[in-house]
PDB file of all heavy atoms in Angstrom:
ATOM      1  N   ALA A   1       6.218  -4.971  -3.660  1.00  0.00           N
ATOM      2  CA  ALA A   1       6.013  -4.496  -2.289  1.00  0.00           C
ATOM      3  C   ALA A   1       6.907  -5.253  -1.309  1.00  0.00           C
ATOM      4  O   ALA A   1       7.497  -4.666  -0.395  1.00  0.00           O
ATOM      5  CB  ALA A   1       4.544  -4.638  -1.894  1.00  0.00           C
ATOM      6  N   ASP A   2       7.010  -6.545  -1.510  1.00  0.00           N
ATOM      7  CA  ASP A   2       7.851  -7.373  -0.647  1.00  0.00           C
ATOM      8  C   ASP A   2       9.309  -6.940  -0.736  1.00  0.00           C
ATOM      9  O   ASP A   2      10.005  -6.838   0.284  1.00  0.00           O
ATOM     10  CB  ASP A   2       7.705  -8.847  -1.036  1.00  0.00           C
ATOM     11  CG  ASP A   2       8.519  -9.755  -0.130  1.00  0.00           C
ATOM     12  OD1 ASP A   2       8.065 -10.021   0.996  1.00  0.00           O
ATOM     13  OD2 ASP A   2       9.619 -10.189  -0.540  1.00  0.00           O
ATOM     14  N   TRP A   3       9.793  -6.673  -1.955  1.00  0.00           N
ATOM     15  CA  TRP A   3      11.180  -6.246  -2.117  1.00  0.00           C
ATOM     16  C   TRP A   3      11.408  -4.881  -1.469  1.00  0.00           C
ATOM     17  O   TRP A   3      12.410  -4.660  -0.791  1.00  0.00           O
ATOM     18  CB  TRP A   3      11.567  -6.172  -3.604  1.00  0.00           C
ATOM     19  CG  TRP A   3      13.014  -5.812  -3.764  1.00  0.00           C
ATOM     20  CD1 TRP A   3      14.083  -6.666  -3.770  1.00  0.00           C
ATOM     21  CD2 TRP A   3      13.565  -4.484  -3.868  1.00  0.00           C
ATOM     22  NE1 TRP A   3      15.259  -5.956  -3.864  1.00  0.00           N
ATOM     23  CE2 TRP A   3      14.981  -4.628  -3.928  1.00  0.00           C
ATOM     24  CE3 TRP A   3      13.013  -3.214  -3.909  1.00  0.00           C
ATOM     25  CZ2 TRP A   3      15.839  -3.525  -4.047  1.00  0.00           C
ATOM     26  CZ3 TRP A   3      13.863  -2.116  -4.009  1.00  0.00           C
ATOM     27  CH2 TRP A   3      15.254  -2.275  -4.086  1.00  0.00           C
ATOM     28  N   ILE A   4      10.477  -3.955  -1.670  1.00  0.00           N
ATOM     29  CA  ILE A   4      10.618  -2.609  -1.107  1.00  0.00           C
ATOM     30  C   ILE A   4      10.668  -2.660   0.417  1.00  0.00           C
ATOM     31  O   ILE A   4      11.516  -2.011   1.048  1.00  0.00           O
ATOM     32  CB  ILE A   4       9.452  -1.709  -1.574  1.00  0.00           C
ATOM     33  CG1 ILE A   4       9.562  -1.441  -3.080  1.00  0.00           C
ATOM     34  CG2 ILE A   4       9.447  -0.388  -0.805  1.00  0.00           C
ATOM     35  CD1 ILE A   4       8.302  -0.849  -3.684  1.00  0.00           C
ATOM     36  N   ILE A   5       9.781  -3.433   1.027  1.00  0.00           N
ATOM     37  CA  ILE A   5       9.717  -3.487   2.488  1.00  0.00           C
ATOM     38  C   ILE A   5      10.900  -4.249   3.072  1.00  0.00           C
ATOM     39  O   ILE A   5      11.565  -3.772   3.998  1.00  0.00           O
ATOM     40  CB  ILE A   5       8.395  -4.140   2.949  1.00  0.00           C
ATOM     41  CG1 ILE A   5       7.204  -3.273   2.539  1.00  0.00           C
ATOM     42  CG2 ILE A   5       8.409  -4.354   4.466  1.00  0.00           C
ATOM     43  CD1 ILE A   5       7.212  -1.881   3.116  1.00  0.00           C
ATOM     44  N   ASN A   6      11.192  -5.406   2.540  1.00  0.00           N
ATOM     45  CA  ASN A   6      12.219  -6.261   3.126  1.00  0.00           C
ATOM     46  C   ASN A   6      13.636  -5.919   2.667  1.00  0.00           C
ATOM     47  O   ASN A   6      14.524  -5.675   3.496  1.00  0.00           O
ATOM     48  CB  ASN A   6      11.918  -7.729   2.816  1.00  0.00           C
ATOM     49  CG  ASN A   6      10.740  -8.261   3.603  1.00  0.00           C
ATOM     50  OD1 ASN A   6      10.825  -8.457   4.801  1.00  0.00           O
ATOM     51  ND2 ASN A   6       9.626  -8.498   2.928  1.00  0.00           N
ATOM     52  N   ASP A   7      13.861  -5.891   1.365  1.00  0.00           N
ATOM     53  CA  ASP A   7      15.219  -5.704   0.847  1.00  0.00           C
ATOM     54  C   ASP A   7      15.656  -4.239   0.892  1.00  0.00           C
ATOM     55  O   ASP A   7      16.756  -3.921   1.355  1.00  0.00           O
ATOM     56  CB  ASP A   7      15.325  -6.225  -0.589  1.00  0.00           C
ATOM     57  CG  ASP A   7      15.206  -7.728  -0.672  1.00  0.00           C
ATOM     58  OD1 ASP A   7      14.341  -8.293   0.028  1.00  0.00           O
ATOM     59  OD2 ASP A   7      15.959  -8.362  -1.424  1.00  0.00           O
ATOM     60  N   TRP A   8      14.804  -3.362   0.406  1.00  0.00           N
ATOM     61  CA  TRP A   8      15.179  -1.945   0.393  1.00  0.00           C
ATOM     62  C   TRP A   8      14.971  -1.303   1.762  1.00  0.00           C
ATOM     63  O   TRP A   8      15.844  -0.605   2.267  1.00  0.00           O
ATOM     64  CB  TRP A   8      14.360  -1.183  -0.651  1.00  0.00           C
ATOM     65  CG  TRP A   8      14.765   0.253  -0.773  1.00  0.00           C
ATOM     66  CD1 TRP A   8      15.788   0.767  -1.522  1.00  0.00           C
ATOM     67  CD2 TRP A   8      14.167   1.368  -0.087  1.00  0.00           C
ATOM     68  NE1 TRP A   8      15.861   2.126  -1.355  1.00  0.00           N
ATOM     69  CE2 TRP A   8      14.888   2.528  -0.470  1.00  0.00           C
ATOM     70  CE3 TRP A   8      13.107   1.497   0.807  1.00  0.00           C
ATOM     71  CZ2 TRP A   8      14.565   3.798   0.003  1.00  0.00           C
ATOM     72  CZ3 TRP A   8      12.790   2.757   1.289  1.00  0.00           C
ATOM     73  CH2 TRP A   8      13.518   3.895   0.885  1.00  0.00           C
ATOM     74  N   GLY A   9      13.819  -1.543   2.370  1.00  0.00           N
ATOM     75  CA  GLY A   9      13.493  -0.893   3.636  1.00  0.00           C
ATOM     76  C   GLY A   9      14.063  -1.559   4.867  1.00  0.00           C
ATOM     77  O   GLY A   9      14.169  -0.939   5.918  1.00  0.00           O
ATOM     78  N   GLY A  10      14.441  -2.831   4.747  1.00  0.00           N
ATOM     79  CA  GLY A  10      15.002  -3.543   5.889  1.00  0.00           C
ATOM     80  C   GLY A  10      14.008  -3.791   7.004  1.00  0.00           C
ATOM     81  O   GLY A  10      14.372  -3.984   8.163  1.00  0.00           O
ATOM     82  N   ILE A  11      12.710  -3.801   6.664  1.00  0.00           N
ATOM     83  CA  ILE A  11      11.664  -4.046   7.676  1.00  0.00           C
ATOM     84  C   ILE A  11      11.290  -5.526   7.613  1.00  0.00           C
ATOM     85  O   ILE A  11      10.367  -5.916   6.905  1.00  0.00           O
ATOM     86  CB  ILE A  11      10.429  -3.162   7.433  1.00  0.00           C
ATOM     87  CG1 ILE A  11      10.834  -1.682   7.364  1.00  0.00           C
ATOM     88  CG2 ILE A  11       9.391  -3.369   8.546  1.00  0.00           C
ATOM     89  CD1 ILE A  11       9.698  -0.756   7.027  1.00  0.00           C
ATOM     90  N   HIS A  12      12.010  -6.339   8.342  1.00  0.00           N
ATOM     91  CA  HIS A  12      11.791  -7.783   8.278  1.00  0.00           C
ATOM     92  C   HIS A  12      10.712  -8.263   9.241  1.00  0.00           C
ATOM     93  O   HIS A  12      10.317  -9.431   9.198  1.00  0.00           O
ATOM     94  CB  HIS A  12      13.111  -8.512   8.561  1.00  0.00           C
ATOM     95  CG  HIS A  12      14.223  -8.120   7.636  1.00  0.00           C
ATOM     96  ND1 HIS A  12      14.186  -8.366   6.279  1.00  0.00           N
ATOM     97  CD2 HIS A  12      15.383  -7.453   7.870  1.00  0.00           C
ATOM     98  CE1 HIS A  12      15.284  -7.901   5.713  1.00  0.00           C
ATOM     99  NE2 HIS A  12      16.029  -7.338   6.658  1.00  0.00           N
ATOM    100  N   SER A  13      10.241  -7.371  10.094  1.00  0.00           N
ATOM    101  CA  SER A  13       9.229  -7.761  11.079  1.00  0.00           C
ATOM    102  C   SER A  13       7.815  -7.733  10.511  1.00  0.00           C
ATOM    103  O   SER A  13       6.898  -8.299  11.102  1.00  0.00           O
ATOM    104  CB  SER A  13       9.303  -6.832  12.292  1.00  0.00           C
ATOM    105  OG  SER A  13       9.088  -5.477  11.899  1.00  0.00           O
ATOM    106  N   LEU A  14       7.639  -7.085   9.351  1.00  0.00           N
ATOM    107  CA  LEU A  14       6.295  -6.976   8.779  1.00  0.00           C
ATOM    108  C   LEU A  14       5.914  -8.278   8.073  1.00  0.00           C
ATOM    109  O   LEU A  14       6.561  -8.700   7.119  1.00  0.00           O
ATOM    110  CB  LEU A  14       6.234  -5.812   7.778  1.00  0.00           C
ATOM    111  CG  LEU A  14       4.852  -5.535   7.172  1.00  0.00           C
ATOM    112  CD1 LEU A  14       3.880  -5.073   8.258  1.00  0.00           C
ATOM    113  CD2 LEU A  14       4.944  -4.485   6.072  1.00  0.00           C
ATOM    114  N   LYS A  15       4.853  -8.899   8.539  1.00  0.00           N
ATOM    115  CA  LYS A  15       4.402 -10.167   7.962  1.00  0.00           C
ATOM    116  C   LYS A  15       3.078 -10.017   7.217  1.00  0.00           C
ATOM    117  O   LYS A  15       2.803 -10.771   6.280  1.00  0.00           O
ATOM    118  CB  LYS A  15       4.246 -11.221   9.075  1.00  0.00           C
ATOM    119  CG  LYS A  15       5.501 -11.452   9.907  1.00  0.00           C
ATOM    120  CD  LYS A  15       6.692 -11.889   9.070  1.00  0.00           C
ATOM    121  CE  LYS A  15       7.927 -12.113   9.940  1.00  0.00           C
ATOM    122  NZ  LYS A  15       9.123 -12.434   9.129  1.00  0.00           N
ATOM    123  N   ASP A  16       2.282  -9.061   7.644  1.00  0.00           N
ATOM    124  CA  ASP A  16       0.960  -8.865   7.043  1.00  0.00           C
ATOM    125  C   ASP A  16       1.001  -7.678   6.075  1.00  0.00           C
ATOM    126  O   ASP A  16       1.151  -6.522   6.493  1.00  0.00           O
ATOM    127  CB  ASP A  16      -0.075  -8.618   8.141  1.00  0.00           C
ATOM    128  CG  ASP A  16      -1.486  -8.505   7.590  1.00  0.00           C
ATOM    129  OD1 ASP A  16      -1.673  -8.662   6.357  1.00  0.00           O
ATOM    130  OD2 ASP A  16      -2.413  -8.252   8.387  1.00  0.00           O
ATOM    131  N   PHE A  17       0.875  -7.965   4.789  1.00  0.00           N
ATOM    132  CA  PHE A  17       0.923  -6.932   3.758  1.00  0.00           C
ATOM    133  C   PHE A  17      -0.491  -6.502   3.337  1.00  0.00           C
ATOM    134  O   PHE A  17      -0.654  -5.859   2.306  1.00  0.00           O
ATOM    135  CB  PHE A  17       1.691  -7.441   2.533  1.00  0.00           C
ATOM    136  CG  PHE A  17       3.186  -7.369   2.684  1.00  0.00           C
ATOM    137  CD1 PHE A  17       3.854  -8.171   3.594  1.00  0.00           C
ATOM    138  CD2 PHE A  17       3.934  -6.497   1.908  1.00  0.00           C
ATOM    139  CE1 PHE A  17       5.237  -8.113   3.727  1.00  0.00           C
ATOM    140  CE2 PHE A  17       5.304  -6.421   2.031  1.00  0.00           C
ATOM    141  CZ  PHE A  17       5.964  -7.234   2.948  1.00  0.00           C
ATOM    142  N   GLY A  18      -1.488  -6.858   4.147  1.00  0.00           N
ATOM    143  CA  GLY A  18      -2.870  -6.583   3.786  1.00  0.00           C
ATOM    144  C   GLY A  18      -3.150  -5.117   3.516  1.00  0.00           C
ATOM    145  O   GLY A  18      -3.745  -4.760   2.493  1.00  0.00           O
ATOM    146  N   LYS A  19      -2.705  -4.242   4.419  1.00  0.00           N
ATOM    147  CA  LYS A  19      -2.957  -2.809   4.254  1.00  0.00           C
ATOM    148  C   LYS A  19      -2.215  -2.254   3.041  1.00  0.00           C
ATOM    149  O   LYS A  19      -2.722  -1.382   2.328  1.00  0.00           O
ATOM    150  CB  LYS A  19      -2.550  -2.053   5.519  1.00  0.00           C
ATOM    151  CG  LYS A  19      -3.445  -2.335   6.716  1.00  0.00           C
ATOM    152  CD  LYS A  19      -3.004  -1.540   7.937  1.00  0.00           C
ATOM    153  CE  LYS A  19      -3.915  -1.813   9.128  1.00  0.00           C
ATOM    154  NZ  LYS A  19      -3.478  -1.072  10.348  1.00  0.00           N
ATOM    155  N   ILE A  20      -1.013  -2.752   2.824  1.00  0.00           N
ATOM    156  CA  ILE A  20      -0.224  -2.290   1.673  1.00  0.00           C
ATOM    157  C   ILE A  20      -0.895  -2.709   0.370  1.00  0.00           C
ATOM    158  O   ILE A  20      -0.979  -1.920  -0.585  1.00  0.00           O
ATOM    159  CB  ILE A  20       1.214  -2.845   1.751  1.00  0.00           C
ATOM    160  CG1 ILE A  20       1.959  -2.183   2.915  1.00  0.00           C
ATOM    161  CG2 ILE A  20       1.964  -2.619   0.434  1.00  0.00           C
ATOM    162  CD1 ILE A  20       3.317  -2.752   3.194  1.00  0.00           C
ATOM    163  N   ASN A  21      -1.388  -3.928   0.316  1.00  0.00           N
ATOM    164  CA  ASN A  21      -2.090  -4.400  -0.884  1.00  0.00           C
ATOM    165  C   ASN A  21      -3.349  -3.571  -1.149  1.00  0.00           C
ATOM    166  O   ASN A  21      -3.683  -3.276  -2.304  1.00  0.00           O
ATOM    167  CB  ASN A  21      -2.451  -5.877  -0.731  1.00  0.00           C
ATOM    168  CG  ASN A  21      -1.223  -6.780  -0.682  1.00  0.00           C
ATOM    169  OD1 ASN A  21      -0.168  -6.424  -1.208  1.00  0.00           O
ATOM    170  ND2 ASN A  21      -1.337  -7.925  -0.041  1.00  0.00           N
ATOM    171  N   ILE A  22      -4.030  -3.185  -0.074  1.00  0.00           N
ATOM    172  CA  ILE A  22      -5.227  -2.343  -0.215  1.00  0.00           C
ATOM    173  C   ILE A  22      -4.842  -0.957  -0.742  1.00  0.00           C
ATOM    174  O   ILE A  22      -5.530  -0.392  -1.594  1.00  0.00           O
ATOM    175  CB  ILE A  22      -5.972  -2.229   1.129  1.00  0.00           C
ATOM    176  CG1 ILE A  22      -6.608  -3.572   1.494  1.00  0.00           C
ATOM    177  CG2 ILE A  22      -7.057  -1.140   1.063  1.00  0.00           C
ATOM    178  CD1 ILE A  22      -7.212  -3.616   2.883  1.00  0.00           C
ATOM    179  N   ASP A  23      -3.725  -0.412  -0.244  1.00  0.00           N
ATOM    180  CA  ASP A  23      -3.258   0.894  -0.720  1.00  0.00           C
ATOM    181  C   ASP A  23      -2.991   0.864  -2.225  1.00  0.00           C
ATOM    182  O   ASP A  23      -3.347   1.806  -2.945  1.00  0.00           O
ATOM    183  CB  ASP A  23      -1.985   1.303   0.009  1.00  0.00           C
ATOM    184  CG  ASP A  23      -2.221   1.645   1.473  1.00  0.00           C
ATOM    185  OD1 ASP A  23      -3.383   1.938   1.829  1.00  0.00           O
ATOM    186  OD2 ASP A  23      -1.251   1.623   2.239  1.00  0.00           O
ATOM    187  N   ILE A  24      -2.351  -0.198  -2.686  1.00  0.00           N
ATOM    188  CA  ILE A  24      -2.042  -0.322  -4.120  1.00  0.00           C
ATOM    189  C   ILE A  24      -3.335  -0.391  -4.926  1.00  0.00           C
ATOM    190  O   ILE A  24      -3.478   0.271  -5.959  1.00  0.00           O
ATOM    191  CB  ILE A  24      -1.165  -1.563  -4.381  1.00  0.00           C
ATOM    192  CG1 ILE A  24       0.202  -1.398  -3.697  1.00  0.00           C
ATOM    193  CG2 ILE A  24      -0.980  -1.775  -5.890  1.00  0.00           C
ATOM    194  CD1 ILE A  24       1.076  -2.637  -3.755  1.00  0.00           C
ATOM    195  N   LYS A  25      -4.280  -1.186  -4.426  1.00  0.00           N
ATOM    196  CA  LYS A  25      -5.566  -1.300  -5.119  1.00  0.00           C
ATOM    197  C   LYS A  25      -6.298   0.041  -5.130  1.00  0.00           C
ATOM    198  O   LYS A  25      -6.881   0.440  -6.157  1.00  0.00           O
ATOM    199  CB  LYS A  25      -6.439  -2.372  -4.455  1.00  0.00           C
ATOM    200  CG  LYS A  25      -7.720  -2.697  -5.211  1.00  0.00           C
ATOM    201  CD  LYS A  25      -8.468  -3.837  -4.536  1.00  0.00           C
ATOM    202  CE  LYS A  25      -9.684  -4.246  -5.354  1.00  0.00           C
ATOM    203  NZ  LYS A  25     -10.618  -3.121  -5.586  1.00  0.00           N
ATOM    204  N   ASN A  26      -6.259   0.757  -4.013  1.00  0.00           N
ATOM    205  CA  ASN A  26      -6.912   2.064  -3.943  1.00  0.00           C
ATOM    206  C   ASN A  26      -6.281   3.055  -4.915  1.00  0.00           C
ATOM    207  O   ASN A  26      -6.964   3.925  -5.463  1.00  0.00           O
ATOM    208  CB  ASN A  26      -6.835   2.623  -2.519  1.00  0.00           C
ATOM    209  CG  ASN A  26      -7.812   1.954  -1.575  1.00  0.00           C
ATOM    210  OD1 ASN A  26      -8.811   1.377  -1.996  1.00  0.00           O
ATOM    211  ND2 ASN A  26      -7.539   2.025  -0.284  1.00  0.00           N
ATOM    212  N   PHE A  27      -4.985   2.921  -5.135  1.00  0.00           N
ATOM    213  CA  PHE A  27      -4.300   3.806  -6.074  1.00  0.00           C
ATOM    214  C   PHE A  27      -4.872   3.640  -7.480  1.00  0.00           C
ATOM    215  O   PHE A  27      -5.124   4.619  -8.178  1.00  0.00           O
ATOM    216  CB  PHE A  27      -2.797   3.505  -6.078  1.00  0.00           C
ATOM    217  CG  PHE A  27      -2.050   4.201  -7.180  1.00  0.00           C
ATOM    218  CD1 PHE A  27      -1.764   5.561  -7.092  1.00  0.00           C
ATOM    219  CD2 PHE A  27      -1.647   3.506  -8.313  1.00  0.00           C
ATOM    220  CE1 PHE A  27      -1.075   6.210  -8.124  1.00  0.00           C
ATOM    221  CE2 PHE A  27      -0.960   4.148  -9.339  1.00  0.00           C
ATOM    222  CZ  PHE A  27      -0.674   5.497  -9.243  1.00  0.00           C
ATOM    223  N   TYR A  28      -5.090   2.408  -7.888  1.00  0.00           N
ATOM    224  CA  TYR A  28      -5.633   2.162  -9.228  1.00  0.00           C
ATOM    225  C   TYR A  28      -7.136   2.426  -9.279  1.00  0.00           C
ATOM    226  O   TYR A  28      -7.659   2.835 -10.320  1.00  0.00           O
ATOM    227  CB  TYR A  28      -5.317   0.732  -9.673  1.00  0.00           C
ATOM    228  CG  TYR A  28      -3.844   0.539  -9.986  1.00  0.00           C
ATOM    229  CD1 TYR A  28      -3.001  -0.124  -9.102  1.00  0.00           C
ATOM    230  CD2 TYR A  28      -3.304   1.045 -11.157  1.00  0.00           C
ATOM    231  CE1 TYR A  28      -1.648  -0.289  -9.373  1.00  0.00           C
ATOM    232  CE2 TYR A  28      -1.945   0.886 -11.439  1.00  0.00           C
ATOM    233  CZ  TYR A  28      -1.137   0.225 -10.547  1.00  0.00           C
ATOM    234  OH  TYR A  28       0.202   0.076 -10.819  1.00  0.00           O
ATOM    235  N   ASP A  29      -7.823   2.233  -8.161  1.00  0.00           N
ATOM    236  CA  ASP A  29      -9.271   2.479  -8.114  1.00  0.00           C
ATOM    237  C   ASP A  29      -9.612   3.961  -8.237  1.00  0.00           C
ATOM    238  O   ASP A  29     -10.671   4.330  -8.751  1.00  0.00           O
ATOM    239  CB  ASP A  29      -9.860   1.959  -6.795  1.00  0.00           C
ATOM    240  CG  ASP A  29     -10.045   0.450  -6.797  1.00  0.00           C
ATOM    241  OD1 ASP A  29      -9.924  -0.149  -7.881  1.00  0.00           O
ATOM    242  OD2 ASP A  29     -10.294  -0.114  -5.720  1.00  0.00           O
ATOM    243  N   LYS A  30      -8.708   4.837  -7.756  1.00  0.00           N
ATOM    244  CA  LYS A  30      -9.041   6.266  -7.693  1.00  0.00           C
ATOM    245  C   LYS A  30      -9.308   6.847  -9.082  1.00  0.00           C
ATOM    246  O   LYS A  30     -10.065   7.804  -9.220  1.00  0.00           O
ATOM    247  CB  LYS A  30      -7.927   7.046  -6.998  1.00  0.00           C
ATOM    248  CG  LYS A  30      -6.640   7.210  -7.792  1.00  0.00           C
ATOM    249  CD  LYS A  30      -5.644   8.047  -7.019  1.00  0.00           C
ATOM    250  CE  LYS A  30      -4.366   8.251  -7.812  1.00  0.00           C
ATOM    251  NZ  LYS A  30      -3.388   9.087  -7.092  1.00  0.00           N
ATOM    252  N   LYS A  31      -8.705   6.258 -10.101  1.00  0.00           N
ATOM    253  CA  LYS A  31      -8.923   6.755 -11.459  1.00  0.00           C
ATOM    254  C   LYS A  31     -10.344   6.461 -11.938  1.00  0.00           C
ATOM    255  O   LYS A  31     -10.879   7.160 -12.789  1.00  0.00           O
ATOM    256  CB  LYS A  31      -7.902   6.128 -12.409  1.00  0.00           C
ATOM    257  CG  LYS A  31      -6.459   6.480 -12.067  1.00  0.00           C
ATOM    258  CD  LYS A  31      -5.472   5.766 -12.972  1.00  0.00           C
ATOM    259  CE  LYS A  31      -4.041   6.101 -12.590  1.00  0.00           C
ATOM    260  NZ  LYS A  31      -3.056   5.393 -13.436  1.00  0.00           N
ATOM    261  N   GLN A  32     -10.944   5.414 -11.361  1.00  0.00           N
ATOM    262  CA  GLN A  32     -12.294   5.031 -11.748  1.00  0.00           C
ATOM    263  C   GLN A  32     -13.363   5.673 -10.866  1.00  0.00           C
ATOM    264  O   GLN A  32     -14.390   6.117 -11.359  1.00  0.00           O
ATOM    265  CB  GLN A  32     -12.430   3.501 -11.709  1.00  0.00           C
ATOM    266  CG  GLN A  32     -11.549   2.789 -12.727  1.00  0.00           C
ATOM    267  CD  GLN A  32     -11.779   1.279 -12.703  1.00  0.00           C
ATOM    268  OE1 GLN A  32     -12.531   0.768 -11.881  1.00  0.00           O
ATOM    269  NE2 GLN A  32     -11.137   0.582 -13.614  1.00  0.00           N
ATOM    270  N   ILE A  33     -13.099   5.717  -9.552  1.00  0.00           N
ATOM    271  CA  ILE A  33     -14.113   6.228  -8.632  1.00  0.00           C
ATOM    272  C   ILE A  33     -13.978   7.731  -8.372  1.00  0.00           C
ATOM    273  O   ILE A  33     -14.854   8.348  -7.775  1.00  0.00           O
ATOM    274  CB  ILE A  33     -14.083   5.471  -7.289  1.00  0.00           C
ATOM    275  CG1 ILE A  33     -12.761   5.740  -6.541  1.00  0.00           C
ATOM    276  CG2 ILE A  33     -14.278   3.984  -7.510  1.00  0.00           C
ATOM    277  CD1 ILE A  33     -12.710   5.104  -5.165  1.00  0.00           C
ATOM    278  N   GLY A  34     -12.853   8.322  -8.825  1.00  0.00           N
ATOM    279  CA  GLY A  34     -12.672   9.764  -8.674  1.00  0.00           C
ATOM    280  C   GLY A  34     -12.348  10.214  -7.267  1.00  0.00           C
ATOM    281  O   GLY A  34     -12.491  11.385  -6.932  1.00  0.00           O
ATOM    282  N   LYS A  35     -11.911   9.303  -6.410  1.00  0.00           N
ATOM    283  CA  LYS A  35     -11.539   9.641  -5.042  1.00  0.00           C
ATOM    284  C   LYS A  35     -10.263   8.929  -4.651  1.00  0.00           C
ATOM    285  O   LYS A  35     -10.105   7.740  -4.934  1.00  0.00           O
ATOM    286  CB  LYS A  35     -12.661   9.266  -4.056  1.00  0.00           C
ATOM    287  CG  LYS A  35     -12.329   9.596  -2.606  1.00  0.00           C
ATOM    288  CD  LYS A  35     -13.418   9.142  -1.647  1.00  0.00           C
ATOM    289  CE  LYS A  35     -13.035   9.452  -0.217  1.00  0.00           C
ATOM    290  NZ  LYS A  35     -14.054   8.990   0.752  1.00  0.00           N
ATOM    291  N   ASP A  36      -9.361   9.663  -4.021  1.00  0.00           N
ATOM    292  CA  ASP A  36      -8.110   9.076  -3.575  1.00  0.00           C
ATOM    293  C   ASP A  36      -8.228   8.712  -2.091  1.00  0.00           C
ATOM    294  O   ASP A  36      -8.092   9.569  -1.213  1.00  0.00           O
ATOM    295  CB  ASP A  36      -6.958  10.062  -3.788  1.00  0.00           C
ATOM    296  CG  ASP A  36      -5.588   9.426  -3.537  1.00  0.00           C
ATOM    297  OD1 ASP A  36      -5.562   8.266  -3.089  1.00  0.00           O
ATOM    298  OD2 ASP A  36      -4.575  10.091  -3.787  1.00  0.00           O
ATOM    299  N   LYS A  37      -8.506   7.440  -1.811  1.00  0.00           N
ATOM    300  CA  LYS A  37      -8.670   6.999  -0.426  1.00  0.00           C
ATOM    301  C   LYS A  37      -7.368   7.080   0.361  1.00  0.00           C
ATOM    302  O   LYS A  37      -7.378   7.076   1.598  1.00  0.00           O
ATOM    303  CB  LYS A  37      -9.202   5.560  -0.399  1.00  0.00           C
ATOM    304  CG  LYS A  37     -10.618   5.423  -0.940  1.00  0.00           C
ATOM    305  CD  LYS A  37     -11.096   3.979  -0.844  1.00  0.00           C
ATOM    306  CE  LYS A  37     -12.516   3.834  -1.370  1.00  0.00           C
ATOM    307  NZ  LYS A  37     -12.993   2.430  -1.299  1.00  0.00           N
ATOM    308  N   ILE A  38      -6.254   7.152  -0.362  1.00  0.00           N
ATOM    309  CA  ILE A  38      -4.962   7.261   0.305  1.00  0.00           C
ATOM    310  C   ILE A  38      -4.862   8.570   1.079  1.00  0.00           C
ATOM    311  O   ILE A  38      -4.135   8.676   2.065  1.00  0.00           O
ATOM    312  CB  ILE A  38      -3.824   7.121  -0.727  1.00  0.00           C
ATOM    313  CG1 ILE A  38      -3.845   5.692  -1.313  1.00  0.00           C
ATOM    314  CG2 ILE A  38      -2.453   7.392  -0.116  1.00  0.00           C
ATOM    315  CD1 ILE A  38      -2.965   5.487  -2.509  1.00  0.00           C
ATOM    316  N   ASN A  39      -5.618   9.569   0.643  1.00  0.00           N
ATOM    317  CA  ASN A  39      -5.633  10.853   1.353  1.00  0.00           C
ATOM    318  C   ASN A  39      -6.130  10.718   2.783  1.00  0.00           C
ATOM    319  O   ASN A  39      -5.856  11.566   3.633  1.00  0.00           O
ATOM    320  CB  ASN A  39      -6.527  11.866   0.614  1.00  0.00           C
ATOM    321  CG  ASN A  39      -5.855  12.437  -0.617  1.00  0.00           C
ATOM    322  OD1 ASN A  39      -4.640  12.451  -0.723  1.00  0.00           O
ATOM    323  ND2 ASN A  39      -6.655  12.910  -1.552  1.00  0.00           N
ATOM    324  N   ASP A  40      -6.888   9.654   3.060  1.00  0.00           N
ATOM    325  CA  ASP A  40      -7.479   9.475   4.383  1.00  0.00           C
ATOM    326  C   ASP A  40      -6.530   8.793   5.378  1.00  0.00           C
ATOM    327  O   ASP A  40      -6.870   8.670   6.562  1.00  0.00           O
ATOM    328  CB  ASP A  40      -8.763   8.632   4.288  1.00  0.00           C
ATOM    329  CG  ASP A  40      -9.829   9.305   3.417  1.00  0.00           C
ATOM    330  OD1 ASP A  40      -9.852  10.551   3.384  1.00  0.00           O
ATOM    331  OD2 ASP A  40     -10.615   8.577   2.776  1.00  0.00           O
ATOM    332  N   LEU A  41      -5.356   8.359   4.922  1.00  0.00           N
ATOM    333  CA  LEU A  41      -4.441   7.642   5.804  1.00  0.00           C
ATOM    334  C   LEU A  41      -3.962   8.540   6.939  1.00  0.00           C
ATOM    335  O   LEU A  41      -3.577   9.686   6.735  1.00  0.00           O
ATOM    336  CB  LEU A  41      -3.224   7.126   5.028  1.00  0.00           C
ATOM    337  CG  LEU A  41      -3.486   6.087   3.933  1.00  0.00           C
ATOM    338  CD1 LEU A  41      -2.166   5.649   3.289  1.00  0.00           C
ATOM    339  CD2 LEU A  41      -4.209   4.876   4.506  1.00  0.00           C
ATOM    340  N   LYS A  42      -3.981   8.009   8.147  1.00  0.00           N
ATOM    341  CA  LYS A  42      -3.527   8.738   9.314  1.00  0.00           C
ATOM    342  C   LYS A  42      -2.040   8.483   9.565  1.00  0.00           C
ATOM    343  O   LYS A  42      -1.475   7.487   9.120  1.00  0.00           O
ATOM    344  CB  LYS A  42      -4.331   8.316  10.555  1.00  0.00           C
ATOM    345  CG  LYS A  42      -5.824   8.598  10.463  1.00  0.00           C
ATOM    346  CD  LYS A  42      -6.090  10.092  10.441  1.00  0.00           C
ATOM    347  CE  LYS A  42      -7.595  10.380  10.445  1.00  0.00           C
ATOM    348  NZ  LYS A  42      -7.868  11.846  10.395  1.00  0.00           N
TER     349      LYS A  42
END
């Protein structure tokens, strides 16, 4: 995630990866809970 945001995306101002880490966790959780929480992102 750090490489994608900083090196590939050139977004050097982002310091808090909390939401991104949650998105990744939700991606793997959806297979177990049967719901894709990423669908709720605004």
